[in-house]
Amino acid sequence: FISNKELESFVERFVSFFPPDAVKPGKIRIQGRNSSADLSYDPEQLNANIMKETFVNHYAQSEVLYLIDLSMKNPGKEGRIKISFNIIQN
């Protein structure tokens, strides 16, 4: 990213209906029914925060949604981050 001014924060958000698990610093696993996804990132560069939200869907039913926020520790004016997903079939 490149910005015209110093950024106070920079957050990349991922959303899942399946609960994520912080396996170790730099790796979050989302286990689905038939596969899983490993989200990898640099823990020296990014902080991970996993949150659980409840919402009401179009059928007036409550559902749970998981939010994964990866925020830069020192965003500044420019930077480069690498986030990758590895899909594993069960």
PDB file of N, CA and C in Angstrom:
ATOM      1  N   PHE A   1       0.836  -1.170   0.000  1.00  0.00           N
ATOM      2  CA  PHE A   1       0.000   0.000   0.000  1.00  0.00           C
ATOM      3  C   PHE A   1       0.882   1.235   0.000  1.00  0.00           C
ATOM      4  N   ILE A   2       0.346   2.323  -0.512  1.00  0.00           N
ATOM      5  CA  ILE A   2       0.990   3.633  -0.482  1.00  0.00           C
ATOM      6  C   ILE A   2      -0.083   4.646  -0.105  1.00  0.00           C
ATOM      7  N   SER A   3       0.239   5.514   0.839  1.00  0.00           N
ATOM      8  CA  SER A   3      -0.711   6.515   1.302  1.00  0.00           C
ATOM      9  C   SER A   3      -0.083   7.900   1.223  1.00  0.00           C
ATOM     10  N   ASN A   4      -0.901   8.921   1.049  1.00  0.00           N
ATOM     11  CA  ASN A   4      -0.408  10.301   1.024  1.00  0.00           C
ATOM     12  C   ASN A   4      -0.052  10.818   2.408  1.00  0.00           C
ATOM     13  N   LYS A   5      -0.540  10.144   3.439  1.00  0.00           N
ATOM     14  CA  LYS A   5      -0.268  10.572   4.808  1.00  0.00           C
ATOM     15  C   LYS A   5       0.019   9.357   5.680  1.00  0.00           C
ATOM     16  N   GLU A   6       0.559   9.610   6.855  1.00  0.00           N
ATOM     17  CA  GLU A   6       0.839   8.541   7.810  1.00  0.00           C
ATOM     18  C   GLU A   6      -0.472   7.882   8.228  1.00  0.00           C
ATOM     19  N   LEU A   7      -0.538   6.575   8.124  1.00  0.00           N
ATOM     20  CA  LEU A   7      -1.726   5.847   8.537  1.00  0.00           C
ATOM     21  C   LEU A   7      -1.634   5.516  10.019  1.00  0.00           C
ATOM     22  N   GLU A   8      -2.743   5.684  10.717  1.00  0.00           N
ATOM     23  CA  GLU A   8      -2.790   5.310  12.126  1.00  0.00           C
ATOM     24  C   GLU A   8      -3.045   3.818  12.276  1.00  0.00           C
ATOM     25  N   SER A   9      -3.760   3.252  11.306  1.00  0.00           N
ATOM     26  CA  SER A   9      -4.025   1.817  11.344  1.00  0.00           C
ATOM     27  C   SER A   9      -4.258   1.301   9.926  1.00  0.00           C
ATOM     28  N   PHE A  10      -4.028   0.017   9.778  1.00  0.00           N
ATOM     29  CA  PHE A  10      -4.274  -0.673   8.515  1.00  0.00           C
ATOM     30  C   PHE A  10      -4.724  -2.082   8.888  1.00  0.00           C
ATOM     31  N   VAL A  11      -5.992  -2.420   8.545  1.00  0.00           N
ATOM     32  CA  VAL A  11      -6.570  -3.701   8.961  1.00  0.00           C
ATOM     33  C   VAL A  11      -7.108  -4.443   7.744  1.00  0.00           C
ATOM     34  N   GLU A  12      -6.775  -5.719   7.657  1.00  0.00           N
ATOM     35  CA  GLU A  12      -7.339  -6.610   6.644  1.00  0.00           C
ATOM     36  C   GLU A  12      -8.275  -7.556   7.397  1.00  0.00           C
ATOM     37  N   ARG A  13      -9.552  -7.609   6.982  1.00  0.00           N
ATOM     38  CA  ARG A  13     -10.546  -8.424   7.697  1.00  0.00           C
ATOM     39  C   ARG A  13     -10.996  -9.591   6.832  1.00  0.00           C
ATOM     40  N   PHE A  14     -11.081 -10.769   7.467  1.00  0.00           N
ATOM     41  CA  PHE A  14     -11.607 -11.972   6.837  1.00  0.00           C
ATOM     42  C   PHE A  14     -12.805 -12.433   7.654  1.00  0.00           C
ATOM     43  N   VAL A  15     -13.789 -13.032   6.988  1.00  0.00           N
ATOM     44  CA  VAL A  15     -15.030 -13.434   7.631  1.00  0.00           C
ATOM     45  C   VAL A  15     -15.278 -14.917   7.349  1.00  0.00           C
ATOM     46  N   SER A  16     -15.755 -15.633   8.378  1.00  0.00           N
ATOM     47  CA  SER A  16     -16.004 -17.068   8.224  1.00  0.00           C
ATOM     48  C   SER A  16     -17.223 -17.481   9.038  1.00  0.00           C
ATOM     49  N   PHE A  17     -17.965 -18.458   8.519  1.00  0.00           N
ATOM     50  CA  PHE A  17     -19.044 -19.062   9.294  1.00  0.00           C
ATOM     51  C   PHE A  17     -18.501 -20.203  10.162  1.00  0.00           C
ATOM     52  N   PHE A  18     -17.267 -20.628   9.913  1.00  0.00           N
ATOM     53  CA  PHE A  18     -16.634 -21.685  10.689  1.00  0.00           C
ATOM     54  C   PHE A  18     -15.660 -21.065  11.685  1.00  0.00           C
ATOM     55  N   PRO A  19     -15.565 -21.623  12.908  1.00  0.00           N
ATOM     56  CA  PRO A  19     -14.692 -21.028  13.920  1.00  0.00           C
ATOM     57  C   PRO A  19     -13.211 -21.161  13.569  1.00  0.00           C
ATOM     58  N   PRO A  20     -12.474 -20.048  13.622  1.00  0.00           N
ATOM     59  CA  PRO A  20     -11.038 -20.088  13.383  1.00  0.00           C
ATOM     60  C   PRO A  20     -10.280 -20.478  14.659  1.00  0.00           C
ATOM     61  N   ASP A  21      -9.114 -21.056  14.464  1.00  0.00           N
ATOM     62  CA  ASP A  21      -8.271 -21.469  15.575  1.00  0.00           C
ATOM     63  C   ASP A  21      -6.868 -20.900  15.349  1.00  0.00           C
ATOM     64  N   ALA A  22      -6.389 -20.121  16.317  1.00  0.00           N
ATOM     65  CA  ALA A  22      -5.019 -19.588  16.233  1.00  0.00           C
ATOM     66  C   ALA A  22      -4.063 -20.729  16.590  1.00  0.00           C
ATOM     67  N   VAL A  23      -3.546 -21.419  15.575  1.00  0.00           N
ATOM     68  CA  VAL A  23      -2.697 -22.589  15.758  1.00  0.00           C
ATOM     69  C   VAL A  23      -1.372 -22.204  16.402  1.00  0.00           C
ATOM     70  N   LYS A  24      -0.785 -21.129  15.907  1.00  0.00           N
ATOM     71  CA  LYS A  24       0.468 -20.590  16.429  1.00  0.00           C
ATOM     72  C   LYS A  24       0.602 -19.172  15.882  1.00  0.00           C
ATOM     73  N   PRO A  25       1.525 -18.376  16.430  1.00  0.00           N
ATOM     74  CA  PRO A  25       1.703 -17.032  15.859  1.00  0.00           C
ATOM     75  C   PRO A  25       2.003 -17.128  14.356  1.00  0.00           C
ATOM     76  N   GLY A  26       1.213 -16.432  13.577  1.00  0.00           N
ATOM     77  CA  GLY A  26       1.414 -16.440  12.132  1.00  0.00           C
ATOM     78  C   GLY A  26       0.567 -17.455  11.384  1.00  0.00           C
ATOM     79  N   LYS A  27      -0.259 -18.232  12.108  1.00  0.00           N
ATOM     80  CA  LYS A  27      -1.070 -19.245  11.427  1.00  0.00           C
ATOM     81  C   LYS A  27      -2.419 -19.401  12.116  1.00  0.00           C
ATOM     82  N   ILE A  28      -3.495 -19.238  11.333  1.00  0.00           N
ATOM     83  CA  ILE A  28      -4.861 -19.424  11.802  1.00  0.00           C
ATOM     84  C   ILE A  28      -5.517 -20.466  10.910  1.00  0.00           C
ATOM     85  N   ARG A  29      -6.143 -21.468  11.532  1.00  0.00           N
ATOM     86  CA  ARG A  29      -6.805 -22.531  10.768  1.00  0.00           C
ATOM     87  C   ARG A  29      -8.322 -22.389  10.891  1.00  0.00           C
ATOM     88  N   ILE A  30      -8.989 -22.522   9.742  1.00  0.00           N
ATOM     89  CA  ILE A  30     -10.446 -22.537   9.693  1.00  0.00           C
ATOM     90  C   ILE A  30     -10.844 -23.920   9.200  1.00  0.00           C
ATOM     91  N   GLN A  31     -11.458 -24.700  10.081  1.00  0.00           N
ATOM     92  CA  GLN A  31     -11.859 -26.066   9.739  1.00  0.00           C
ATOM     93  C   GLN A  31     -13.289 -26.070   9.247  1.00  0.00           C
ATOM     94  N   GLY A  32     -13.478 -26.486   8.000  1.00  0.00           N
ATOM     95  CA  GLY A  32     -14.814 -26.603   7.430  1.00  0.00           C
ATOM     96  C   GLY A  32     -15.312 -28.032   7.504  1.00  0.00           C
ATOM     97  N   ARG A  33     -16.388 -28.313   6.799  1.00  0.00           N
ATOM     98  CA  ARG A  33     -16.953 -29.673   6.803  1.00  0.00           C
ATOM     99  C   ARG A  33     -16.072 -30.662   6.053  1.00  0.00           C
ATOM    100  N   ASN A  34     -15.598 -30.254   4.874  1.00  0.00           N
ATOM    101  CA  ASN A  34     -14.833 -31.170   4.020  1.00  0.00           C
ATOM    102  C   ASN A  34     -13.405 -30.718   3.753  1.00  0.00           C
ATOM    103  N   SER A  35     -13.049 -29.556   4.258  1.00  0.00           N
ATOM    104  CA  SER A  35     -11.701 -29.046   4.037  1.00  0.00           C
ATOM    105  C   SER A  35     -11.372 -28.025   5.120  1.00  0.00           C
ATOM    106  N   SER A  36     -10.117 -27.635   5.147  1.00  0.00           N
ATOM    107  CA  SER A  36      -9.708 -26.580   6.072  1.00  0.00           C
ATOM    108  C   SER A  36      -8.860 -25.580   5.300  1.00  0.00           C
ATOM    109  N   ALA A  37      -8.751 -24.393   5.866  1.00  0.00           N
ATOM    110  CA  ALA A  37      -7.940 -23.341   5.255  1.00  0.00           C
ATOM    111  C   ALA A  37      -6.966 -22.829   6.308  1.00  0.00           C
ATOM    112  N   ASP A  38      -5.697 -22.805   5.967  1.00  0.00           N
ATOM    113  CA  ASP A  38      -4.685 -22.215   6.831  1.00  0.00           C
ATOM    114  C   ASP A  38      -4.370 -20.821   6.320  1.00  0.00           C
ATOM    115  N   LEU A  39      -4.598 -19.830   7.160  1.00  0.00           N
ATOM    116  CA  LEU A  39      -4.284 -18.448   6.844  1.00  0.00           C
ATOM    117  C   LEU A  39      -2.916 -18.168   7.475  1.00  0.00           C
ATOM    118  N   SER A  40      -1.946 -17.785   6.668  1.00  0.00           N
ATOM    119  CA  SER A  40      -0.595 -17.511   7.159  1.00  0.00           C
ATOM    120  C   SER A  40      -0.247 -16.048   6.978  1.00  0.00           C
ATOM    121  N   TYR A  41       0.479 -15.500   7.959  1.00  0.00           N
ATOM    122  CA  TYR A  41       0.885 -14.093   7.935  1.00  0.00           C
ATOM    123  C   TYR A  41       2.140 -13.949   8.779  1.00  0.00           C
ATOM    124  N   ASP A  42       2.804 -12.812   8.662  1.00  0.00           N
ATOM    125  CA  ASP A  42       4.018 -12.539   9.422  1.00  0.00           C
ATOM    126  C   ASP A  42       3.640 -11.943  10.784  1.00  0.00           C
ATOM    127  N   PRO A  43       3.842 -12.693  11.885  1.00  0.00           N
ATOM    128  CA  PRO A  43       3.457 -12.177  13.199  1.00  0.00           C
ATOM    129  C   PRO A  43       4.335 -11.023  13.686  1.00  0.00           C
ATOM    130  N   GLU A  44       5.485 -10.811  13.052  1.00  0.00           N
ATOM    131  CA  GLU A  44       6.329  -9.655  13.387  1.00  0.00           C
ATOM    132  C   GLU A  44       5.733  -8.373  12.816  1.00  0.00           C
ATOM    133  N   GLN A  45       4.931  -8.526  11.775  1.00  0.00           N
ATOM    134  CA  GLN A  45       4.357  -7.386  11.058  1.00  0.00           C
ATOM    135  C   GLN A  45       2.877  -7.142  11.393  1.00  0.00           C
ATOM    136  N   LEU A  46       2.146  -8.222  11.703  1.00  0.00           N
ATOM    137  CA  LEU A  46       0.701  -8.135  11.884  1.00  0.00           C
ATOM    138  C   LEU A  46       0.252  -8.724  13.226  1.00  0.00           C
ATOM    139  N   ASN A  47      -0.749  -8.096  13.823  1.00  0.00           N
ATOM    140  CA  ASN A  47      -1.434  -8.638  14.996  1.00  0.00           C
ATOM    141  C   ASN A  47      -2.723  -9.284  14.527  1.00  0.00           C
ATOM    142  N   ALA A  48      -3.069 -10.433  15.114  1.00  0.00           N
ATOM    143  CA  ALA A  48      -4.316 -11.116  14.768  1.00  0.00           C
ATOM    144  C   ALA A  48      -5.309 -10.968  15.914  1.00  0.00           C
ATOM    145  N   ASN A  49      -6.552 -10.717  15.544  1.00  0.00           N
ATOM    146  CA  ASN A  49      -7.627 -10.621  16.518  1.00  0.00           C
ATOM    147  C   ASN A  49      -8.826 -11.383  15.962  1.00  0.00           C
ATOM    148  N   ILE A  50      -9.320 -12.380  16.713  1.00  0.00           N
ATOM    149  CA  ILE A  50     -10.464 -13.187  16.291  1.00  0.00           C
ATOM    150  C   ILE A  50     -11.660 -12.803  17.151  1.00  0.00           C
ATOM    151  N   MET A  51     -12.770 -12.486  16.490  1.00  0.00           N
ATOM    152  CA  MET A  51     -13.983 -12.077  17.198  1.00  0.00           C
ATOM    153  C   MET A  51     -15.172 -12.914  16.733  1.00  0.00           C
ATOM    154  N   LYS A  52     -16.137 -13.062  17.599  1.00  0.00           N
ATOM    155  CA  LYS A  52     -17.358 -13.808  17.302  1.00  0.00           C
ATOM    156  C   LYS A  52     -18.528 -12.830  17.356  1.00  0.00           C
ATOM    157  N   GLU A  53     -19.314 -12.785  16.289  1.00  0.00           N
ATOM    158  CA  GLU A  53     -20.472 -11.890  16.209  1.00  0.00           C
ATOM    159  C   GLU A  53     -21.722 -12.711  15.932  1.00  0.00           C
ATOM    160  N   THR A  54     -22.811 -12.314  16.533  1.00  0.00           N
ATOM    161  CA  THR A  54     -24.103 -12.930  16.255  1.00  0.00           C
ATOM    162  C   THR A  54     -24.937 -11.927  15.467  1.00  0.00           C
ATOM    163  N   PHE A  55     -25.611 -12.425  14.445  1.00  0.00           N
ATOM    164  CA  PHE A  55     -26.469 -11.560  13.641  1.00  0.00           C
ATOM    165  C   PHE A  55     -27.759 -12.304  13.307  1.00  0.00           C
ATOM    166  N   VAL A  56     -28.741 -11.581  12.837  1.00  0.00           N
ATOM    167  CA  VAL A  56     -30.019 -12.167  12.430  1.00  0.00           C
ATOM    168  C   VAL A  56     -30.049 -12.192  10.902  1.00  0.00           C
ATOM    169  N   ASN A  57     -30.233 -13.388  10.337  1.00  0.00           N
ATOM    170  CA  ASN A  57     -30.223 -13.524   8.874  1.00  0.00           C
ATOM    171  C   ASN A  57     -31.573 -13.122   8.269  1.00  0.00           C
ATOM    172  N   HIS A  58     -31.709 -13.324   6.966  1.00  0.00           N
ATOM    173  CA  HIS A  58     -32.924 -12.927   6.255  1.00  0.00           C
ATOM    174  C   HIS A  58     -34.156 -13.741   6.653  1.00  0.00           C
ATOM    175  N   TYR A  59     -33.933 -14.851   7.350  1.00  0.00           N
ATOM    176  CA  TYR A  59     -35.045 -15.702   7.796  1.00  0.00           C
ATOM    177  C   TYR A  59     -35.349 -15.497   9.272  1.00  0.00           C
ATOM    178  N   ALA A  60     -34.841 -14.399   9.829  1.00  0.00           N
ATOM    179  CA  ALA A  60     -35.042 -14.028  11.236  1.00  0.00           C
ATOM    180  C   ALA A  60     -34.457 -15.052  12.205  1.00  0.00           C
ATOM    181  N   GLN A  61     -33.397 -15.739  11.758  1.00  0.00           N
ATOM    182  CA  GLN A  61     -32.707 -16.705  12.607  1.00  0.00           C
ATOM    183  C   GLN A  61     -31.357 -16.135  13.022  1.00  0.00           C
ATOM    184  N   SER A  62     -30.966 -16.380  14.257  1.00  0.00           N
ATOM    185  CA  SER A  62     -29.650 -15.936  14.729  1.00  0.00           C
ATOM    186  C   SER A  62     -28.573 -16.870  14.187  1.00  0.00           C
ATOM    187  N   GLU A  63     -27.496 -16.277  13.725  1.00  0.00           N
ATOM    188  CA  GLU A  63     -26.341 -17.033  13.231  1.00  0.00           C
ATOM    189  C   GLU A  63     -25.074 -16.419  13.806  1.00  0.00           C
ATOM    190  N   VAL A  64     -24.030 -17.236  13.854  1.00  0.00           N
ATOM    191  CA  VAL A  64     -22.736 -16.774  14.355  1.00  0.00           C
ATOM    192  C   VAL A  64     -21.790 -16.589  13.172  1.00  0.00           C
ATOM    193  N   LEU A  65     -21.049 -15.514  13.221  1.00  0.00           N
ATOM    194  CA  LEU A  65     -20.063 -15.180  12.205  1.00  0.00           C
ATOM    195  C   LEU A  65     -18.756 -14.879  12.928  1.00  0.00           C
ATOM    196  N   TYR A  66     -17.636 -15.324  12.364  1.00  0.00           N
ATOM    197  CA  TYR A  66     -16.328 -15.086  12.965  1.00  0.00           C
ATOM    198  C   TYR A  66     -15.558 -14.071  12.123  1.00  0.00           C
ATOM    199  N   LEU A  67     -14.968 -13.112  12.790  1.00  0.00           N
ATOM    200  CA  LEU A  67     -14.179 -12.067  12.135  1.00  0.00           C
ATOM    201  C   LEU A  67     -12.719 -12.266  12.503  1.00  0.00           C
ATOM    202  N   ILE A  68     -11.861 -12.231  11.505  1.00  0.00           N
ATOM    203  CA  ILE A  68     -10.417 -12.314  11.720  1.00  0.00           C
ATOM    204  C   ILE A  68      -9.820 -11.003  11.237  1.00  0.00           C
ATOM    205  N   ASP A  69      -9.321 -10.201  12.155  1.00  0.00           N
ATOM    206  CA  ASP A  69      -8.684  -8.934  11.805  1.00  0.00           C
ATOM    207  C   ASP A  69      -7.170  -9.087  11.913  1.00  0.00           C
ATOM    208  N   LEU A  70      -6.478  -8.752  10.838  1.00  0.00           N
ATOM    209  CA  LEU A  70      -5.024  -8.693  10.841  1.00  0.00           C
ATOM    210  C   LEU A  70      -4.648  -7.223  10.721  1.00  0.00           C
ATOM    211  N   SER A  71      -4.067  -6.668  11.775  1.00  0.00           N
ATOM    212  CA  SER A  71      -3.726  -5.246  11.777  1.00  0.00           C
ATOM    213  C   SER A  71      -2.218  -5.062  11.790  1.00  0.00           C
ATOM    214  N   MET A  72      -1.758  -4.098  11.000  1.00  0.00           N
ATOM    215  CA  MET A  72      -0.327  -3.803  10.937  1.00  0.00           C
ATOM    216  C   MET A  72       0.127  -3.166  12.236  1.00  0.00           C
ATOM    217  N   LYS A  73       1.296  -3.586  12.688  1.00  0.00           N
ATOM    218  CA  LYS A  73       1.849  -3.036  13.922  1.00  0.00           C
ATOM    219  C   LYS A  73       2.385  -1.623  13.701  1.00  0.00           C
ATOM    220  N   ASN A  74       2.981  -1.366  12.545  1.00  0.00           N
ATOM    221  CA  ASN A  74       3.548  -0.056  12.219  1.00  0.00           C
ATOM    222  C   ASN A  74       3.189   0.314  10.786  1.00  0.00           C
ATOM    223  N   PRO A  75       1.978   0.841  10.549  1.00  0.00           N
ATOM    224  CA  PRO A  75       1.543   1.070   9.172  1.00  0.00           C
ATOM    225  C   PRO A  75       2.322   2.134   8.392  1.00  0.00           C
ATOM    226  N   GLY A  76       2.577   3.306   8.952  1.00  0.00           N
ATOM    227  CA  GLY A  76       3.325   4.345   8.241  1.00  0.00           C
ATOM    228  C   GLY A  76       2.643   4.835   6.980  1.00  0.00           C
ATOM    229  N   LYS A  77       3.454   5.276   5.998  1.00  0.00           N
ATOM    230  CA  LYS A  77       2.939   5.808   4.733  1.00  0.00           C
ATOM    231  C   LYS A  77       2.890   4.763   3.627  1.00  0.00           C
ATOM    232  N   GLU A  78       3.744   3.761   3.721  1.00  0.00           N
ATOM    233  CA  GLU A  78       3.743   2.714   2.707  1.00  0.00           C
ATOM    234  C   GLU A  78       4.219   1.415   3.327  1.00  0.00           C
ATOM    235  N   GLY A  79       3.854   0.333   2.696  1.00  0.00           N
ATOM    236  CA  GLY A  79       4.254  -0.962   3.213  1.00  0.00           C
ATOM    237  C   GLY A  79       3.791  -2.082   2.317  1.00  0.00           C
ATOM    238  N   ARG A  80       4.234  -3.256   2.659  1.00  0.00           N
ATOM    239  CA  ARG A  80       3.880  -4.456   1.904  1.00  0.00           C
ATOM    240  C   ARG A  80       3.626  -5.564   2.914  1.00  0.00           C
ATOM    241  N   ILE A  81       2.492  -6.212   2.762  1.00  0.00           N
ATOM    242  CA  ILE A  81       2.188  -7.346   3.623  1.00  0.00           C
ATOM    243  C   ILE A  81       1.905  -8.560   2.748  1.00  0.00           C
ATOM    244  N   LYS A  82       2.168  -9.730   3.313  1.00  0.00           N
ATOM    245  CA  LYS A  82       1.886 -10.968   2.589  1.00  0.00           C
ATOM    246  C   LYS A  82       1.006 -11.825   3.474  1.00  0.00           C
ATOM    247  N   ILE A  83      -0.159 -12.167   2.945  1.00  0.00           N
ATOM    248  CA  ILE A  83      -1.109 -13.044   3.616  1.00  0.00           C
ATOM    249  C   ILE A  83      -1.436 -14.146   2.618  1.00  0.00           C
ATOM    250  N   SER A  84      -1.384 -15.392   3.068  1.00  0.00           N
ATOM    251  CA  SER A  84      -1.672 -16.484   2.140  1.00  0.00           C
ATOM    252  C   SER A  84      -2.644 -17.485   2.765  1.00  0.00           C
ATOM    253  N   PHE A  85      -3.374 -18.165   1.895  1.00  0.00           N
ATOM    254  CA  PHE A  85      -4.279 -19.232   2.287  1.00  0.00           C
ATOM    255  C   PHE A  85      -3.816 -20.532   1.658  1.00  0.00           C
ATOM    256  N   ASN A  86      -3.832 -21.581   2.436  1.00  0.00           N
ATOM    257  CA  ASN A  86      -3.551 -22.918   1.933  1.00  0.00           C
ATOM    258  C   ASN A  86      -4.784 -23.756   2.217  1.00  0.00           C
ATOM    259  N   ILE A  87      -5.429 -24.268   1.163  1.00  0.00           N
ATOM    260  CA  ILE A  87      -6.650 -25.062   1.298  1.00  0.00           C
ATOM    261  C   ILE A  87      -6.256 -26.538   1.359  1.00  0.00           C
ATOM    262  N   ILE A  88      -6.771 -27.237   2.374  1.00  0.00           N
ATOM    263  CA  ILE A  88      -6.436 -28.650   2.581  1.00  0.00           C
ATOM    264  C   ILE A  88      -7.730 -29.455   2.525  1.00  0.00           C
ATOM    265  N   GLN A  89      -7.820 -30.388   1.593  1.00  0.00           N
ATOM    266  CA  GLN A  89      -8.988 -31.269   1.483  1.00  0.00           C
ATOM    267  C   GLN A  89      -8.886 -32.375   2.521  1.00  0.00           C
ATOM    268  N   ASN A  90      -9.960 -32.635   3.237  1.00  0.00           N
ATOM    269  CA  ASN A  90      -9.954 -33.702   4.261  1.00  0.00           C
ATOM    270  C   ASN A  90     -10.256 -35.042   3.653  1.00  0.00           C
TER     271      ASN A  90
END
